[in-house]
Amino acid sequence: MNPTIINKSRIVNEQKLILPGCYDWQNFKGIKTLIEQQPGVKISYLDGVIEFMTLGEEHETIKSIIAILLGIYFWQKEIEFTPVGSATRESEEKGVSFEPDESYYIGEKKEHPDLAIEVNITSGSVKKLEKYKRFKIKEVWLWQNNKFSLYSLQDNEYKQIFQSQLLPELNFKLFENCVLMSSQLEAIKIFTDSIQENNKK
C-alpha cells in the first residue's frame, strides 16, 4: 500500500486490504513503521499475512458509543475495570500483531485483557478470533450487521455464546438498540435508566 494515496481532506469509509504474499516478522515491522505515520489506518499481522484497514466515521462512531455505554454500565454496576482501548497486542513468537477496537481488564489487571471488542462495518469473519486466542482473551465481542456476536474462550477454542459470561446481567438487545440510535444523548439516557431500574429490583 502506498501511504501517499490517503487523502486527509475527505471522509474515508472503512476499507480493508490484505497485502498479497507472505511476510516475515522483520518485513512486517518495517511496513508497520511506514503505516503508523498515516493517521486513521490500522495494520494487523497473523502468520505472515498483513491486513490494512482504514477507519471511517461510522466505524469510529460505533466504537466510541460502545465504549461510552459500556463505561456507564461498569459505573452503574460498580464493576472495577481498566479500559485499555486499542493498545497493541503483538508477539513475534506467536506470529501475531493487532489492535482491538476496545479492550478491558475487568477486576484486577492480568497478563492480558479479559474482554476485546472489534467493530466490522464492511465485513468480518470469525477467523479473526485466532489472533485473540493466542493471547487467551476470555471474551471477544464482534460488532457486525448491526449487532453483537459474542465468543467465549473455552478449552482453548472460541465458542459462540448468547449472553456474556463476564457481564451476565448486561441486556444486549437494549445495548444494540442504543448503539444504533441517531441521538447519543437519548441512547445514554435510555441505557442508564434501564440499568438503574434493574438495580432497584
C-alpha atoms as a PDB file:
ATOM      1  CA  MET A   1       0.000   0.000   0.000  1.00  0.00           C
ATOM      2  CA  ASN A   2       1.349   3.420  -0.928  1.00  0.00           C
ATOM      3  CA  PRO A   3       0.862   5.657   2.149  1.00  0.00           C
ATOM      4  CA  THR A   4       0.582   8.783  -0.006  1.00  0.00           C
ATOM      5  CA  ILE A   5      -2.760   7.718  -1.536  1.00  0.00           C
ATOM      6  CA  ILE A   6      -4.722   8.526   1.632  1.00  0.00           C
ATOM      7  CA  ASN A   7      -6.461  11.867   1.177  1.00  0.00           C
ATOM      8  CA  LYS A   8      -6.699  13.551   4.583  1.00  0.00           C
ATOM      9  CA  SER A   9      -9.149  16.191   3.356  1.00  0.00           C
ATOM     10  CA  ARG A  10     -12.107  13.862   2.730  1.00  0.00           C
ATOM     11  CA  ILE A  11     -14.193  11.420   4.737  1.00  0.00           C
ATOM     12  CA  VAL A  12     -12.976   7.887   4.098  1.00  0.00           C
ATOM     13  CA  ASN A  13     -15.237   4.880   4.504  1.00  0.00           C
ATOM     14  CA  GLU A  14     -13.870   1.768   6.150  1.00  0.00           C
ATOM     15  CA  GLN A  15     -11.820  -0.275   3.690  1.00  0.00           C
ATOM     16  CA  LYS A  16      -9.801  -3.450   4.131  1.00  0.00           C
ATOM     17  CA  LEU A  17      -6.878  -4.742   2.123  1.00  0.00           C
ATOM     18  CA  ILE A  18      -4.834  -7.910   2.536  1.00  0.00           C
ATOM     19  CA  LEU A  19      -1.329  -7.419   1.199  1.00  0.00           C
ATOM     20  CA  PRO A  20      -0.501 -10.147  -1.345  1.00  0.00           C
ATOM     21  CA  GLY A  21       2.241 -12.539  -0.350  1.00  0.00           C
ATOM     22  CA  CYS A  22       3.664 -13.834   2.917  1.00  0.00           C
ATOM     23  CA  TYR A  23       5.921 -11.711   5.128  1.00  0.00           C
ATOM     24  CA  ASP A  24       8.279 -12.495   7.968  1.00  0.00           C
ATOM     25  CA  TRP A  25       8.258 -10.508  11.221  1.00  0.00           C
ATOM     26  CA  GLN A  26      11.031  -8.123  10.179  1.00  0.00           C
ATOM     27  CA  ASN A  27       9.230  -7.260   6.918  1.00  0.00           C
ATOM     28  CA  PHE A  28       6.036  -6.654   8.850  1.00  0.00           C
ATOM     29  CA  LYS A  29       7.699  -4.358  11.387  1.00  0.00           C
ATOM     30  CA  GLY A  30       9.232  -2.313   8.573  1.00  0.00           C
ATOM     31  CA  ILE A  31       5.877  -1.914   6.815  1.00  0.00           C
ATOM     32  CA  LYS A  32       4.186  -1.133  10.125  1.00  0.00           C
ATOM     33  CA  THR A  33       6.624   1.693  10.800  1.00  0.00           C
ATOM     34  CA  LEU A  34       5.631   3.325   7.495  1.00  0.00           C
ATOM     35  CA  ILE A  35       1.888   2.826   8.039  1.00  0.00           C
ATOM     36  CA  GLU A  36       1.994   4.241  11.572  1.00  0.00           C
ATOM     37  CA  GLN A  37       2.866   7.606  10.033  1.00  0.00           C
ATOM     38  CA  GLN A  38      -0.611   7.667   8.453  1.00  0.00           C
ATOM     39  CA  PRO A  39      -3.449   8.516  10.865  1.00  0.00           C
ATOM     40  CA  GLY A  40      -6.647   6.519  10.501  1.00  0.00           C
ATOM     41  CA  VAL A  41      -5.001   3.294   9.279  1.00  0.00           C
ATOM     42  CA  LYS A  42      -4.705   0.075  11.303  1.00  0.00           C
ATOM     43  CA  ILE A  43      -2.403  -2.786  10.441  1.00  0.00           C
ATOM     44  CA  SER A  44      -2.547  -6.371  11.693  1.00  0.00           C
ATOM     45  CA  TYR A  45      -0.375  -9.436  11.196  1.00  0.00           C
ATOM     46  CA  LEU A  46      -1.149 -13.134  11.538  1.00  0.00           C
ATOM     47  CA  ASP A  47       1.135 -15.938  10.385  1.00  0.00           C
ATOM     48  CA  GLY A  48       2.729 -13.939   7.587  1.00  0.00           C
ATOM     49  CA  VAL A  49      -0.456 -12.233   6.352  1.00  0.00           C
ATOM     50  CA  ILE A  50      -0.664  -8.435   6.618  1.00  0.00           C
ATOM     51  CA  GLU A  51      -4.027  -6.647   6.614  1.00  0.00           C
ATOM     52  CA  PHE A  52      -4.675  -2.899   6.443  1.00  0.00           C
ATOM     53  CA  MET A  53      -7.882  -1.164   7.448  1.00  0.00           C
ATOM     54  CA  THR A  54      -8.858   2.473   7.078  1.00  0.00           C
ATOM     55  CA  LEU A  55     -11.089   3.793   9.851  1.00  0.00           C
ATOM     56  CA  GLY A  56     -14.223   5.513   8.594  1.00  0.00           C
ATOM     57  CA  GLU A  57     -16.522   7.802  10.569  1.00  0.00           C
ATOM     58  CA  GLU A  58     -19.196   5.119  11.003  1.00  0.00           C
ATOM     59  CA  HIS A  59     -16.640   2.714  12.465  1.00  0.00           C
ATOM     60  CA  GLU A  60     -15.331   5.324  14.894  1.00  0.00           C
ATOM     61  CA  THR A  61     -18.825   6.466  15.921  1.00  0.00           C
ATOM     62  CA  ILE A  62     -19.964   2.924  16.751  1.00  0.00           C
ATOM     63  CA  LYS A  63     -16.715   2.120  18.538  1.00  0.00           C
ATOM     64  CA  SER A  64     -16.998   5.276  20.641  1.00  0.00           C
ATOM     65  CA  ILE A  65     -20.658   4.870  21.620  1.00  0.00           C
ATOM     66  CA  ILE A  66     -19.998   1.221  22.594  1.00  0.00           C
ATOM     67  CA  ALA A  67     -17.185   2.425  24.868  1.00  0.00           C
ATOM     68  CA  ILE A  68     -19.346   5.177  26.389  1.00  0.00           C
ATOM     69  CA  LEU A  69     -22.270   2.855  27.114  1.00  0.00           C
ATOM     70  CA  LEU A  70     -20.046   0.122  28.487  1.00  0.00           C
ATOM     71  CA  GLY A  71     -18.312   2.648  30.741  1.00  0.00           C
ATOM     72  CA  ILE A  72     -21.726   3.712  32.070  1.00  0.00           C
ATOM     73  CA  TYR A  73     -22.610   0.077  32.700  1.00  0.00           C
ATOM     74  CA  PHE A  74     -19.424  -0.539  34.707  1.00  0.00           C
ATOM     75  CA  TRP A  75     -20.036   2.628  36.724  1.00  0.00           C
ATOM     76  CA  GLN A  76     -23.702   1.939  37.431  1.00  0.00           C
ATOM     77  CA  LYS A  77     -22.972  -1.675  38.383  1.00  0.00           C
ATOM     78  CA  GLU A  78     -19.898  -0.688  40.445  1.00  0.00           C
ATOM     79  CA  ILE A  79     -17.664  -3.059  38.489  1.00  0.00           C
ATOM     80  CA  GLU A  80     -13.948  -2.352  38.715  1.00  0.00           C
ATOM     81  CA  PHE A  81     -12.429  -2.108  35.239  1.00  0.00           C
ATOM     82  CA  THR A  82      -9.473  -0.743  33.343  1.00  0.00           C
ATOM     83  CA  PRO A  83     -10.081   0.372  29.748  1.00  0.00           C
ATOM     84  CA  VAL A  84      -7.036  -0.073  27.508  1.00  0.00           C
ATOM     85  CA  GLY A  85      -8.674   0.798  24.184  1.00  0.00           C
ATOM     86  CA  SER A  86      -6.706  -0.144  21.092  1.00  0.00           C
ATOM     87  CA  ALA A  87      -3.442  -0.966  22.852  1.00  0.00           C
ATOM     88  CA  THR A  88      -1.389  -3.155  20.504  1.00  0.00           C
ATOM     89  CA  ARG A  89      -1.089  -6.855  21.274  1.00  0.00           C
ATOM     90  CA  GLU A  90       1.841  -8.433  19.485  1.00  0.00           C
ATOM     91  CA  SER A  91       4.296 -11.277  19.752  1.00  0.00           C
ATOM     92  CA  GLU A  92       6.879 -12.415  17.238  1.00  0.00           C
ATOM     93  CA  GLU A  93       6.883 -15.835  18.875  1.00  0.00           C
ATOM     94  CA  LYS A  94       3.111 -16.158  18.448  1.00  0.00           C
ATOM     95  CA  GLY A  95       3.239 -14.682  14.924  1.00  0.00           C
ATOM     96  CA  VAL A  96       0.623 -12.028  15.587  1.00  0.00           C
ATOM     97  CA  SER A  97       0.150  -8.280  15.958  1.00  0.00           C
ATOM     98  CA  PHE A  98      -3.173  -6.443  16.147  1.00  0.00           C
ATOM     99  CA  GLU A  99      -5.163  -3.682  17.810  1.00  0.00           C
ATOM    100  CA  PRO A 100      -8.662  -4.406  19.126  1.00  0.00           C
ATOM    101  CA  ASP A 101     -11.086  -1.516  18.801  1.00  0.00           C
ATOM    102  CA  GLU A 102     -11.719  -1.585  22.552  1.00  0.00           C
ATOM    103  CA  SER A 103     -10.367  -3.799  25.329  1.00  0.00           C
ATOM    104  CA  TYR A 104     -10.821  -4.066  29.078  1.00  0.00           C
ATOM    105  CA  TYR A 105      -9.425  -5.645  32.192  1.00  0.00           C
ATOM    106  CA  ILE A 106     -12.358  -6.489  34.449  1.00  0.00           C
ATOM    107  CA  GLY A 107     -11.453  -6.549  38.124  1.00  0.00           C
ATOM    108  CA  GLU A 108      -7.714  -6.818  38.677  1.00  0.00           C
ATOM    109  CA  LYS A 109      -5.241  -6.382  35.824  1.00  0.00           C
ATOM    110  CA  LYS A 110      -3.818  -9.602  34.438  1.00  0.00           C
ATOM    111  CA  GLU A 111      -1.333 -10.524  31.735  1.00  0.00           C
ATOM    112  CA  HIS A 112      -3.885  -9.709  29.013  1.00  0.00           C
ATOM    113  CA  PRO A 113      -7.334  -8.051  28.926  1.00  0.00           C
ATOM    114  CA  ASP A 114     -10.435 -10.076  29.754  1.00  0.00           C
ATOM    115  CA  LEU A 115     -12.594  -8.527  27.029  1.00  0.00           C
ATOM    116  CA  ALA A 116     -11.899  -7.295  23.494  1.00  0.00           C
ATOM    117  CA  ILE A 117     -14.350  -5.665  21.100  1.00  0.00           C
ATOM    118  CA  GLU A 118     -13.952  -5.453  17.333  1.00  0.00           C
ATOM    119  CA  VAL A 119     -16.185  -3.356  15.086  1.00  0.00           C
ATOM    120  CA  ASN A 120     -16.657  -4.581  11.499  1.00  0.00           C
ATOM    121  CA  ILE A 121     -18.611  -2.263   9.210  1.00  0.00           C
ATOM    122  CA  THR A 122     -17.825  -3.630   5.747  1.00  0.00           C
ATOM    123  CA  SER A 123     -17.081  -7.266   6.525  1.00  0.00           C
ATOM    124  CA  GLY A 124     -15.894  -9.563   9.232  1.00  0.00           C
ATOM    125  CA  SER A 125     -15.065 -13.168   9.907  1.00  0.00           C
ATOM    126  CA  VAL A 126     -14.807 -15.415  12.928  1.00  0.00           C
ATOM    127  CA  LYS A 127     -11.366 -16.332  11.563  1.00  0.00           C
ATOM    128  CA  LYS A 128     -10.247 -13.087  13.185  1.00  0.00           C
ATOM    129  CA  LEU A 129     -10.693 -14.816  16.540  1.00  0.00           C
ATOM    130  CA  GLU A 130      -7.421 -16.710  16.030  1.00  0.00           C
ATOM    131  CA  LYS A 131      -5.362 -13.625  16.894  1.00  0.00           C
ATOM    132  CA  TYR A 132      -7.278 -13.151  20.159  1.00  0.00           C
ATOM    133  CA  LYS A 133      -6.905 -16.827  21.049  1.00  0.00           C
ATOM    134  CA  ARG A 134      -3.144 -16.527  21.018  1.00  0.00           C
ATOM    135  CA  PHE A 135      -3.381 -14.064  23.898  1.00  0.00           C
ATOM    136  CA  LYS A 136      -6.071 -16.093  25.692  1.00  0.00           C
ATOM    137  CA  ILE A 137      -8.537 -13.206  25.855  1.00  0.00           C
ATOM    138  CA  LYS A 138     -11.589 -14.594  27.661  1.00  0.00           C
ATOM    139  CA  GLU A 139     -14.325 -12.928  25.612  1.00  0.00           C
ATOM    140  CA  VAL A 140     -14.435 -11.271  22.202  1.00  0.00           C
ATOM    141  CA  TRP A 141     -17.443  -9.271  21.029  1.00  0.00           C
ATOM    142  CA  LEU A 142     -17.682  -8.771  17.270  1.00  0.00           C
ATOM    143  CA  TRP A 143     -19.985  -5.978  16.070  1.00  0.00           C
ATOM    144  CA  GLN A 144     -21.203  -6.668  12.538  1.00  0.00           C
ATOM    145  CA  ASN A 145     -24.511  -6.455  10.685  1.00  0.00           C
ATOM    146  CA  ASN A 146     -25.730  -4.024  13.364  1.00  0.00           C
ATOM    147  CA  LYS A 147     -25.496  -6.496  16.226  1.00  0.00           C
ATOM    148  CA  PHE A 148     -23.059  -8.234  18.531  1.00  0.00           C
ATOM    149  CA  SER A 149     -21.769 -11.763  18.169  1.00  0.00           C
ATOM    150  CA  LEU A 150     -20.227 -12.977  21.422  1.00  0.00           C
ATOM    151  CA  TYR A 151     -17.457 -15.542  21.760  1.00  0.00           C
ATOM    152  CA  SER A 152     -16.041 -17.136  24.903  1.00  0.00           C
ATOM    153  CA  LEU A 153     -12.706 -18.933  25.123  1.00  0.00           C
ATOM    154  CA  GLN A 154     -13.420 -22.471  26.281  1.00  0.00           C
ATOM    155  CA  ASP A 155     -10.844 -25.280  26.129  1.00  0.00           C
ATOM    156  CA  ASN A 156      -8.634 -23.022  24.018  1.00  0.00           C
ATOM    157  CA  GLU A 157     -11.327 -22.527  21.363  1.00  0.00           C
ATOM    158  CA  TYR A 158     -13.856 -19.737  20.948  1.00  0.00           C
ATOM    159  CA  LYS A 159     -17.457 -20.860  21.319  1.00  0.00           C
ATOM    160  CA  GLN A 160     -20.327 -18.579  20.380  1.00  0.00           C
ATOM    161  CA  ILE A 161     -22.420 -17.576  23.375  1.00  0.00           C
ATOM    162  CA  PHE A 162     -25.610 -15.567  23.593  1.00  0.00           C
ATOM    163  CA  GLN A 163     -25.015 -13.857  26.923  1.00  0.00           C
ATOM    164  CA  SER A 164     -21.726 -12.538  28.241  1.00  0.00           C
ATOM    165  CA  GLN A 165     -20.181 -14.667  30.961  1.00  0.00           C
ATOM    166  CA  LEU A 166     -18.114 -11.705  32.127  1.00  0.00           C
ATOM    167  CA  LEU A 167     -21.150  -9.399  32.325  1.00  0.00           C
ATOM    168  CA  PRO A 168     -24.106 -11.784  32.724  1.00  0.00           C
ATOM    169  CA  GLU A 169     -26.653  -9.054  33.567  1.00  0.00           C
ATOM    170  CA  LEU A 170     -25.943  -6.889  30.511  1.00  0.00           C
ATOM    171  CA  ASN A 171     -29.036  -6.605  28.292  1.00  0.00           C
ATOM    172  CA  PHE A 172     -27.525  -6.965  24.815  1.00  0.00           C
ATOM    173  CA  LYS A 173     -30.741  -6.272  22.912  1.00  0.00           C
ATOM    174  CA  LEU A 174     -31.033  -2.912  24.640  1.00  0.00           C
ATOM    175  CA  PHE A 175     -27.292  -2.358  24.222  1.00  0.00           C
ATOM    176  CA  GLU A 176     -27.532  -2.949  20.453  1.00  0.00           C
ATOM    177  CA  ASN A 177     -30.570  -0.691  20.100  1.00  0.00           C
ATOM    178  CA  CYS A 178     -28.821   2.128  21.944  1.00  0.00           C
ATOM    179  CA  VAL A 179     -25.652   1.808  19.826  1.00  0.00           C
ATOM    180  CA  LEU A 180     -27.790   2.258  16.683  1.00  0.00           C
ATOM    181  CA  MET A 181     -29.792   5.276  17.906  1.00  0.00           C
ATOM    182  CA  SER A 182     -29.227   8.526  15.994  1.00  0.00           C
ATOM    183  CA  SER A 183     -29.210  10.573  19.203  1.00  0.00           C
ATOM    184  CA  GLN A 184     -26.364   9.614  21.510  1.00  0.00           C
ATOM    185  CA  LEU A 185     -27.871  11.662  24.351  1.00  0.00           C
ATOM    186  CA  GLU A 186     -31.137   9.750  24.103  1.00  0.00           C
ATOM    187  CA  ALA A 187     -29.254   6.452  23.892  1.00  0.00           C
ATOM    188  CA  ILE A 188     -27.287   7.241  27.052  1.00  0.00           C
ATOM    189  CA  LYS A 189     -30.457   8.259  28.920  1.00  0.00           C
ATOM    190  CA  ILE A 190     -32.403   5.127  27.915  1.00  0.00           C
ATOM    191  CA  PHE A 191     -29.462   2.840  28.679  1.00  0.00           C
ATOM    192  CA  THR A 192     -28.755   4.462  32.064  1.00  0.00           C
ATOM    193  CA  ASP A 193     -32.426   4.498  33.094  1.00  0.00           C
ATOM    194  CA  SER A 194     -32.717   0.784  32.283  1.00  0.00           C
ATOM    195  CA  ILE A 195     -29.685  -0.108  34.396  1.00  0.00           C
ATOM    196  CA  GLN A 196     -30.922   1.978  37.320  1.00  0.00           C
ATOM    197  CA  GLU A 197     -34.341   0.380  37.104  1.00  0.00           C
ATOM    198  CA  ASN A 198     -32.775  -3.067  37.056  1.00  0.00           C
ATOM    199  CA  ASN A 199     -30.620  -2.159  40.084  1.00  0.00           C
ATOM    200  CA  LYS A 200     -33.761  -1.456  42.097  1.00  0.00           C
ATOM    201  CA  LYS A 201     -35.117  -4.961  41.602  1.00  0.00           C
END
